Amino acid sequence: TKQMLMNMIGMAVYEVGVMVFLLWDYKWIPDLQPNSDDPITGSKSRHYTMLFNIFVLLQVFNEYNARFLRGEWQIWRGLTQNPLYLMISFGTMVFQVVMVQIAAPVLTHALKIHPEGLSGRQWLICLGFGI
Protein backbone atom coordinates (compact mmCIF):
# COMPACT_ATOMS: atom_id res chain seq x y z
CA THR A 1 0.00 0.00 0.00
CA LYS A 2 0.99 3.63 -0.30
CA GLN A 3 1.08 3.96 3.50
CA MET A 4 3.42 0.96 3.79
CA LEU A 5 5.79 2.51 1.24
CA MET A 6 5.79 5.81 3.16
CA ASN A 7 6.48 3.95 6.43
CA MET A 8 9.40 2.06 4.91
CA ILE A 9 10.93 5.16 3.33
CA GLY A 10 10.41 7.18 6.51
CA MET A 11 12.01 4.55 8.72
CA ALA A 12 14.92 4.06 6.32
CA VAL A 13 15.61 7.81 6.21
CA TYR A 14 15.39 8.03 10.01
CA GLU A 15 17.70 5.04 10.58
CA VAL A 16 20.31 6.18 8.07
CA GLY A 17 20.11 9.72 9.45
CA VAL A 18 20.62 8.57 13.04
CA MET A 19 23.50 6.29 12.10
CA VAL A 20 25.28 8.93 10.00
CA PHE A 21 24.74 11.57 12.70
CA LEU A 22 26.11 9.33 15.45
CA LEU A 23 28.98 8.10 13.31
CA TRP A 24 30.39 11.59 12.82
CA ASP A 25 29.09 13.60 15.79
CA TYR A 26 29.77 11.47 18.84
CA LYS A 27 31.80 13.74 21.12
CA TRP A 28 28.69 14.65 23.16
CA ILE A 29 28.01 11.02 24.13
CA PRO A 30 28.96 10.43 27.78
CA ASP A 31 31.47 7.82 28.94
CA LEU A 32 33.33 7.45 25.65
CA GLN A 33 36.93 7.04 26.68
CA PRO A 34 39.02 6.32 23.62
CA ASN A 35 41.78 3.85 24.35
CA SER A 36 43.89 3.81 21.22
CA ASP A 37 46.49 1.47 22.68
CA ASP A 38 44.06 -1.44 22.92
CA PRO A 39 44.96 -3.77 20.02
CA ILE A 40 41.77 -5.84 20.29
CA THR A 41 38.98 -3.31 20.42
CA GLY A 42 40.57 -0.15 19.06
CA SER A 43 39.96 3.45 20.00
CA LYS A 44 36.25 3.63 19.16
CA SER A 45 35.06 0.29 20.47
CA ARG A 46 32.45 1.69 22.85
CA HIS A 47 31.24 4.11 20.16
CA TYR A 48 30.76 1.27 17.68
CA THR A 49 29.08 -0.83 20.36
CA MET A 50 26.56 1.97 20.80
CA LEU A 51 25.96 2.15 17.04
CA PHE A 52 25.35 -1.60 16.93
CA ASN A 53 23.01 -1.40 19.91
CA ILE A 54 21.04 1.53 18.49
CA PHE A 55 20.65 -0.26 15.16
CA VAL A 56 19.22 -3.35 16.85
CA LEU A 57 16.88 -1.26 19.02
CA LEU A 58 15.68 0.64 15.96
CA GLN A 59 14.73 -2.69 14.39
CA VAL A 60 12.97 -3.94 17.53
CA PHE A 61 10.87 -0.81 17.94
CA ASN A 62 10.16 -0.70 14.21
CA GLU A 63 8.47 -4.08 14.61
CA TYR A 64 5.78 -2.38 16.71
CA ASN A 65 5.24 0.36 14.15
CA ALA A 66 5.12 -2.13 11.28
CA ARG A 67 2.18 -4.03 12.80
CA PHE A 68 -0.27 -1.53 11.29
CA LEU A 69 -0.28 -0.51 7.64
CA ARG A 70 -2.96 2.15 7.37
CA GLY A 71 -1.40 4.98 9.40
CA GLU A 72 -2.86 4.03 12.79
CA TRP A 73 -1.32 5.72 15.82
CA GLN A 74 -2.36 3.15 18.43
CA ILE A 75 0.62 0.82 18.06
CA TRP A 76 -0.07 -0.88 21.41
CA ARG A 77 -3.61 -1.91 20.46
CA GLY A 78 -4.08 -5.68 20.39
CA LEU A 79 -0.58 -6.36 21.60
CA THR A 80 -1.67 -8.62 24.43
CA GLN A 81 -3.61 -10.83 22.01
CA ASN A 82 -0.41 -12.13 20.43
CA PRO A 83 1.77 -13.77 23.10
CA LEU A 84 4.19 -15.20 20.53
CA TYR A 85 4.94 -11.72 19.20
CA LEU A 86 5.55 -10.47 22.74
CA MET A 87 7.85 -13.41 23.53
CA ILE A 88 9.91 -12.82 20.39
CA SER A 89 10.15 -9.08 21.05
CA PHE A 90 11.04 -9.59 24.72
CA GLY A 91 13.53 -12.33 23.81
CA THR A 92 15.22 -10.08 21.27
CA MET A 93 15.64 -7.35 23.90
CA VAL A 94 16.98 -9.79 26.49
CA PHE A 95 19.38 -11.30 23.96
CA GLN A 96 20.62 -7.82 23.01
CA VAL A 97 21.28 -6.89 26.64
CA VAL A 98 23.07 -10.19 27.21
CA MET A 99 25.23 -9.70 24.10
CA VAL A 100 26.22 -6.13 24.93
CA GLN A 101 26.59 -6.36 28.71
CA ILE A 102 27.21 -9.92 29.82
CA ALA A 103 28.78 -11.68 26.85
CA ALA A 104 30.84 -8.67 25.82
CA PRO A 105 34.17 -10.02 27.14
CA VAL A 106 33.67 -13.21 25.11
CA LEU A 107 32.40 -11.45 21.97
CA THR A 108 35.07 -8.75 21.99
CA HIS A 109 37.32 -10.64 19.63
CA ALA A 110 34.59 -11.77 17.22
CA LEU A 111 32.35 -8.70 17.05
CA LYS A 112 34.62 -5.96 18.45
CA ILE A 113 32.06 -5.20 21.16
CA HIS A 114 33.55 -3.22 24.00
CA PRO A 115 34.53 -5.68 26.76
CA GLU A 116 32.88 -3.60 29.49
CA GLY A 117 29.59 -3.12 27.65
CA LEU A 118 27.75 0.19 27.84
CA SER A 119 27.07 2.50 30.77
CA GLY A 120 23.56 3.27 32.01
CA ARG A 121 23.57 6.69 30.38
CA GLN A 122 24.65 5.16 27.09
CA TRP A 123 21.80 2.64 27.30
CA LEU A 124 19.35 5.52 27.84
CA ILE A 125 20.72 7.27 24.75
CA CYS A 126 20.35 4.04 22.76
CA LEU A 127 16.75 3.60 23.93
CA GLY A 128 15.99 7.24 23.16
CA PHE A 129 17.12 6.90 19.56
CA GLY A 130 15.48 3.49 19.23
CA ILE A 131 12.05 4.61 20.32
C-alpha atoms as a PDB file:
ATOM      1  CA  THR A   1       0.000   0.000   0.000  1.00  0.00           C
ATOM      2  CA  LYS A   2       0.994   3.629  -0.298  1.00  0.00           C
ATOM      3  CA  GLN A   3       1.078   3.963   3.498  1.00  0.00           C
ATOM      4  CA  MET A   4       3.424   0.964   3.790  1.00  0.00           C
ATOM      5  CA  LEU A   5       5.786   2.512   1.240  1.00  0.00           C
ATOM      6  CA  MET A   6       5.785   5.806   3.158  1.00  0.00           C
ATOM      7  CA  ASN A   7       6.478   3.950   6.429  1.00  0.00           C
ATOM      8  CA  MET A   8       9.399   2.060   4.909  1.00  0.00           C
ATOM      9  CA  ILE A   9      10.928   5.162   3.327  1.00  0.00           C
ATOM     10  CA  GLY A  10      10.414   7.178   6.510  1.00  0.00           C
ATOM     11  CA  MET A  11      12.011   4.546   8.719  1.00  0.00           C
ATOM     12  CA  ALA A  12      14.920   4.064   6.319  1.00  0.00           C
ATOM     13  CA  VAL A  13      15.606   7.807   6.213  1.00  0.00           C
ATOM     14  CA  TYR A  14      15.385   8.032  10.015  1.00  0.00           C
ATOM     15  CA  GLU A  15      17.701   5.040  10.580  1.00  0.00           C
ATOM     16  CA  VAL A  16      20.315   6.182   8.073  1.00  0.00           C
ATOM     17  CA  GLY A  17      20.114   9.721   9.451  1.00  0.00           C
ATOM     18  CA  VAL A  18      20.619   8.568  13.039  1.00  0.00           C
ATOM     19  CA  MET A  19      23.504   6.286  12.099  1.00  0.00           C
ATOM     20  CA  VAL A  20      25.283   8.927  10.003  1.00  0.00           C
ATOM     21  CA  PHE A  21      24.740  11.573  12.700  1.00  0.00           C
ATOM     22  CA  LEU A  22      26.114   9.331  15.451  1.00  0.00           C
ATOM     23  CA  LEU A  23      28.977   8.104  13.308  1.00  0.00           C
ATOM     24  CA  TRP A  24      30.392  11.590  12.816  1.00  0.00           C
ATOM     25  CA  ASP A  25      29.086  13.602  15.786  1.00  0.00           C
ATOM     26  CA  TYR A  26      29.772  11.468  18.837  1.00  0.00           C
ATOM     27  CA  LYS A  27      31.802  13.735  21.118  1.00  0.00           C
ATOM     28  CA  TRP A  28      28.692  14.649  23.158  1.00  0.00           C
ATOM     29  CA  ILE A  29      28.013  11.022  24.126  1.00  0.00           C
ATOM     30  CA  PRO A  30      28.963  10.428  27.775  1.00  0.00           C
ATOM     31  CA  ASP A  31      31.475   7.818  28.943  1.00  0.00           C
ATOM     32  CA  LEU A  32      33.334   7.448  25.650  1.00  0.00           C
ATOM     33  CA  GLN A  33      36.933   7.038  26.681  1.00  0.00           C
ATOM     34  CA  PRO A  34      39.023   6.319  23.622  1.00  0.00           C
ATOM     35  CA  ASN A  35      41.777   3.845  24.346  1.00  0.00           C
ATOM     36  CA  SER A  36      43.888   3.807  21.225  1.00  0.00           C
ATOM     37  CA  ASP A  37      46.495   1.473  22.678  1.00  0.00           C
ATOM     38  CA  ASP A  38      44.061  -1.441  22.922  1.00  0.00           C
ATOM     39  CA  PRO A  39      44.961  -3.770  20.016  1.00  0.00           C
ATOM     40  CA  ILE A  40      41.773  -5.841  20.293  1.00  0.00           C
ATOM     41  CA  THR A  41      38.978  -3.313  20.418  1.00  0.00           C
ATOM     42  CA  GLY A  42      40.566  -0.147  19.062  1.00  0.00           C
ATOM     43  CA  SER A  43      39.959   3.448  19.997  1.00  0.00           C
ATOM     44  CA  LYS A  44      36.248   3.633  19.156  1.00  0.00           C
ATOM     45  CA  SER A  45      35.056   0.290  20.468  1.00  0.00           C
ATOM     46  CA  ARG A  46      32.446   1.692  22.847  1.00  0.00           C
ATOM     47  CA  HIS A  47      31.244   4.106  20.165  1.00  0.00           C
ATOM     48  CA  TYR A  48      30.757   1.272  17.676  1.00  0.00           C
ATOM     49  CA  THR A  49      29.084  -0.835  20.356  1.00  0.00           C
ATOM     50  CA  MET A  50      26.561   1.969  20.795  1.00  0.00           C
ATOM     51  CA  LEU A  51      25.963   2.150  17.039  1.00  0.00           C
ATOM     52  CA  PHE A  52      25.355  -1.601  16.931  1.00  0.00           C
ATOM     53  CA  ASN A  53      23.009  -1.399  19.911  1.00  0.00           C
ATOM     54  CA  ILE A  54      21.045   1.530  18.488  1.00  0.00           C
ATOM     55  CA  PHE A  55      20.654  -0.256  15.161  1.00  0.00           C
ATOM     56  CA  VAL A  56      19.219  -3.351  16.851  1.00  0.00           C
ATOM     57  CA  LEU A  57      16.878  -1.255  19.023  1.00  0.00           C
ATOM     58  CA  LEU A  58      15.683   0.635  15.955  1.00  0.00           C
ATOM     59  CA  GLN A  59      14.728  -2.689  14.389  1.00  0.00           C
ATOM     60  CA  VAL A  60      12.974  -3.939  17.527  1.00  0.00           C
ATOM     61  CA  PHE A  61      10.868  -0.809  17.943  1.00  0.00           C
ATOM     62  CA  ASN A  62      10.162  -0.696  14.213  1.00  0.00           C
ATOM     63  CA  GLU A  63       8.470  -4.084  14.611  1.00  0.00           C
ATOM     64  CA  TYR A  64       5.784  -2.378  16.709  1.00  0.00           C
ATOM     65  CA  ASN A  65       5.245   0.360  14.150  1.00  0.00           C
ATOM     66  CA  ALA A  66       5.118  -2.129  11.277  1.00  0.00           C
ATOM     67  CA  ARG A  67       2.179  -4.025  12.805  1.00  0.00           C
ATOM     68  CA  PHE A  68      -0.272  -1.528  11.286  1.00  0.00           C
ATOM     69  CA  LEU A  69      -0.279  -0.513   7.645  1.00  0.00           C
ATOM     70  CA  ARG A  70      -2.957   2.147   7.373  1.00  0.00           C
ATOM     71  CA  GLY A  71      -1.405   4.985   9.404  1.00  0.00           C
ATOM     72  CA  GLU A  72      -2.856   4.033  12.785  1.00  0.00           C
ATOM     73  CA  TRP A  73      -1.321   5.719  15.824  1.00  0.00           C
ATOM     74  CA  GLN A  74      -2.361   3.149  18.435  1.00  0.00           C
ATOM     75  CA  ILE A  75       0.618   0.817  18.059  1.00  0.00           C
ATOM     76  CA  TRP A  76      -0.066  -0.879  21.409  1.00  0.00           C
ATOM     77  CA  ARG A  77      -3.605  -1.914  20.457  1.00  0.00           C
ATOM     78  CA  GLY A  78      -4.084  -5.679  20.386  1.00  0.00           C
ATOM     79  CA  LEU A  79      -0.582  -6.357  21.596  1.00  0.00           C
ATOM     80  CA  THR A  80      -1.668  -8.624  24.435  1.00  0.00           C
ATOM     81  CA  GLN A  81      -3.608 -10.826  22.012  1.00  0.00           C
ATOM     82  CA  ASN A  82      -0.411 -12.127  20.426  1.00  0.00           C
ATOM     83  CA  PRO A  83       1.768 -13.770  23.099  1.00  0.00           C
ATOM     84  CA  LEU A  84       4.193 -15.203  20.526  1.00  0.00           C
ATOM     85  CA  TYR A  85       4.937 -11.722  19.202  1.00  0.00           C
ATOM     86  CA  LEU A  86       5.550 -10.471  22.744  1.00  0.00           C
ATOM     87  CA  MET A  87       7.848 -13.412  23.534  1.00  0.00           C
ATOM     88  CA  ILE A  88       9.909 -12.818  20.392  1.00  0.00           C
ATOM     89  CA  SER A  89      10.148  -9.085  21.053  1.00  0.00           C
ATOM     90  CA  PHE A  90      11.042  -9.594  24.717  1.00  0.00           C
ATOM     91  CA  GLY A  91      13.526 -12.332  23.810  1.00  0.00           C
ATOM     92  CA  THR A  92      15.224 -10.080  21.267  1.00  0.00           C
ATOM     93  CA  MET A  93      15.638  -7.353  23.898  1.00  0.00           C
ATOM     94  CA  VAL A  94      16.979  -9.794  26.492  1.00  0.00           C
ATOM     95  CA  PHE A  95      19.376 -11.302  23.955  1.00  0.00           C
ATOM     96  CA  GLN A  96      20.618  -7.821  23.015  1.00  0.00           C
ATOM     97  CA  VAL A  97      21.277  -6.885  26.644  1.00  0.00           C
ATOM     98  CA  VAL A  98      23.073 -10.193  27.210  1.00  0.00           C
ATOM     99  CA  MET A  99      25.229  -9.697  24.103  1.00  0.00           C
ATOM    100  CA  VAL A 100      26.219  -6.130  24.931  1.00  0.00           C
ATOM    101  CA  GLN A 101      26.585  -6.363  28.707  1.00  0.00           C
ATOM    102  CA  ILE A 102      27.207  -9.919  29.822  1.00  0.00           C
ATOM    103  CA  ALA A 103      28.783 -11.683  26.851  1.00  0.00           C
ATOM    104  CA  ALA A 104      30.843  -8.666  25.815  1.00  0.00           C
ATOM    105  CA  PRO A 105      34.170 -10.021  27.136  1.00  0.00           C
ATOM    106  CA  VAL A 106      33.667 -13.212  25.108  1.00  0.00           C
ATOM    107  CA  LEU A 107      32.395 -11.450  21.969  1.00  0.00           C
ATOM    108  CA  THR A 108      35.066  -8.751  21.985  1.00  0.00           C
ATOM    109  CA  HIS A 109      37.321 -10.643  19.626  1.00  0.00           C
ATOM    110  CA  ALA A 110      34.595 -11.766  17.221  1.00  0.00           C
ATOM    111  CA  LEU A 111      32.347  -8.700  17.054  1.00  0.00           C
ATOM    112  CA  LYS A 112      34.617  -5.965  18.448  1.00  0.00           C
ATOM    113  CA  ILE A 113      32.057  -5.202  21.159  1.00  0.00           C
ATOM    114  CA  HIS A 114      33.554  -3.217  23.999  1.00  0.00           C
ATOM    115  CA  PRO A 115      34.530  -5.684  26.757  1.00  0.00           C
ATOM    116  CA  GLU A 116      32.882  -3.599  29.488  1.00  0.00           C
ATOM    117  CA  GLY A 117      29.592  -3.124  27.653  1.00  0.00           C
ATOM    118  CA  LEU A 118      27.745   0.190  27.842  1.00  0.00           C
ATOM    119  CA  SER A 119      27.071   2.504  30.772  1.00  0.00           C
ATOM    120  CA  GLY A 120      23.563   3.271  32.008  1.00  0.00           C
ATOM    121  CA  ARG A 121      23.574   6.693  30.379  1.00  0.00           C
ATOM    122  CA  GLN A 122      24.652   5.160  27.087  1.00  0.00           C
ATOM    123  CA  TRP A 123      21.802   2.643  27.296  1.00  0.00           C
ATOM    124  CA  LEU A 124      19.353   5.518  27.839  1.00  0.00           C
ATOM    125  CA  ILE A 125      20.715   7.274  24.748  1.00  0.00           C
ATOM    126  CA  CYS A 126      20.350   4.039  22.758  1.00  0.00           C
ATOM    127  CA  LEU A 127      16.754   3.595  23.930  1.00  0.00           C
ATOM    128  CA  GLY A 128      15.990   7.241  23.163  1.00  0.00           C
ATOM    129  CA  PHE A 129      17.116   6.898  19.559  1.00  0.00           C
ATOM    130  CA  GLY A 130      15.481   3.486  19.227  1.00  0.00           C
ATOM    131  CA  ILE A 131      12.053   4.608  20.318  1.00  0.00           C
END
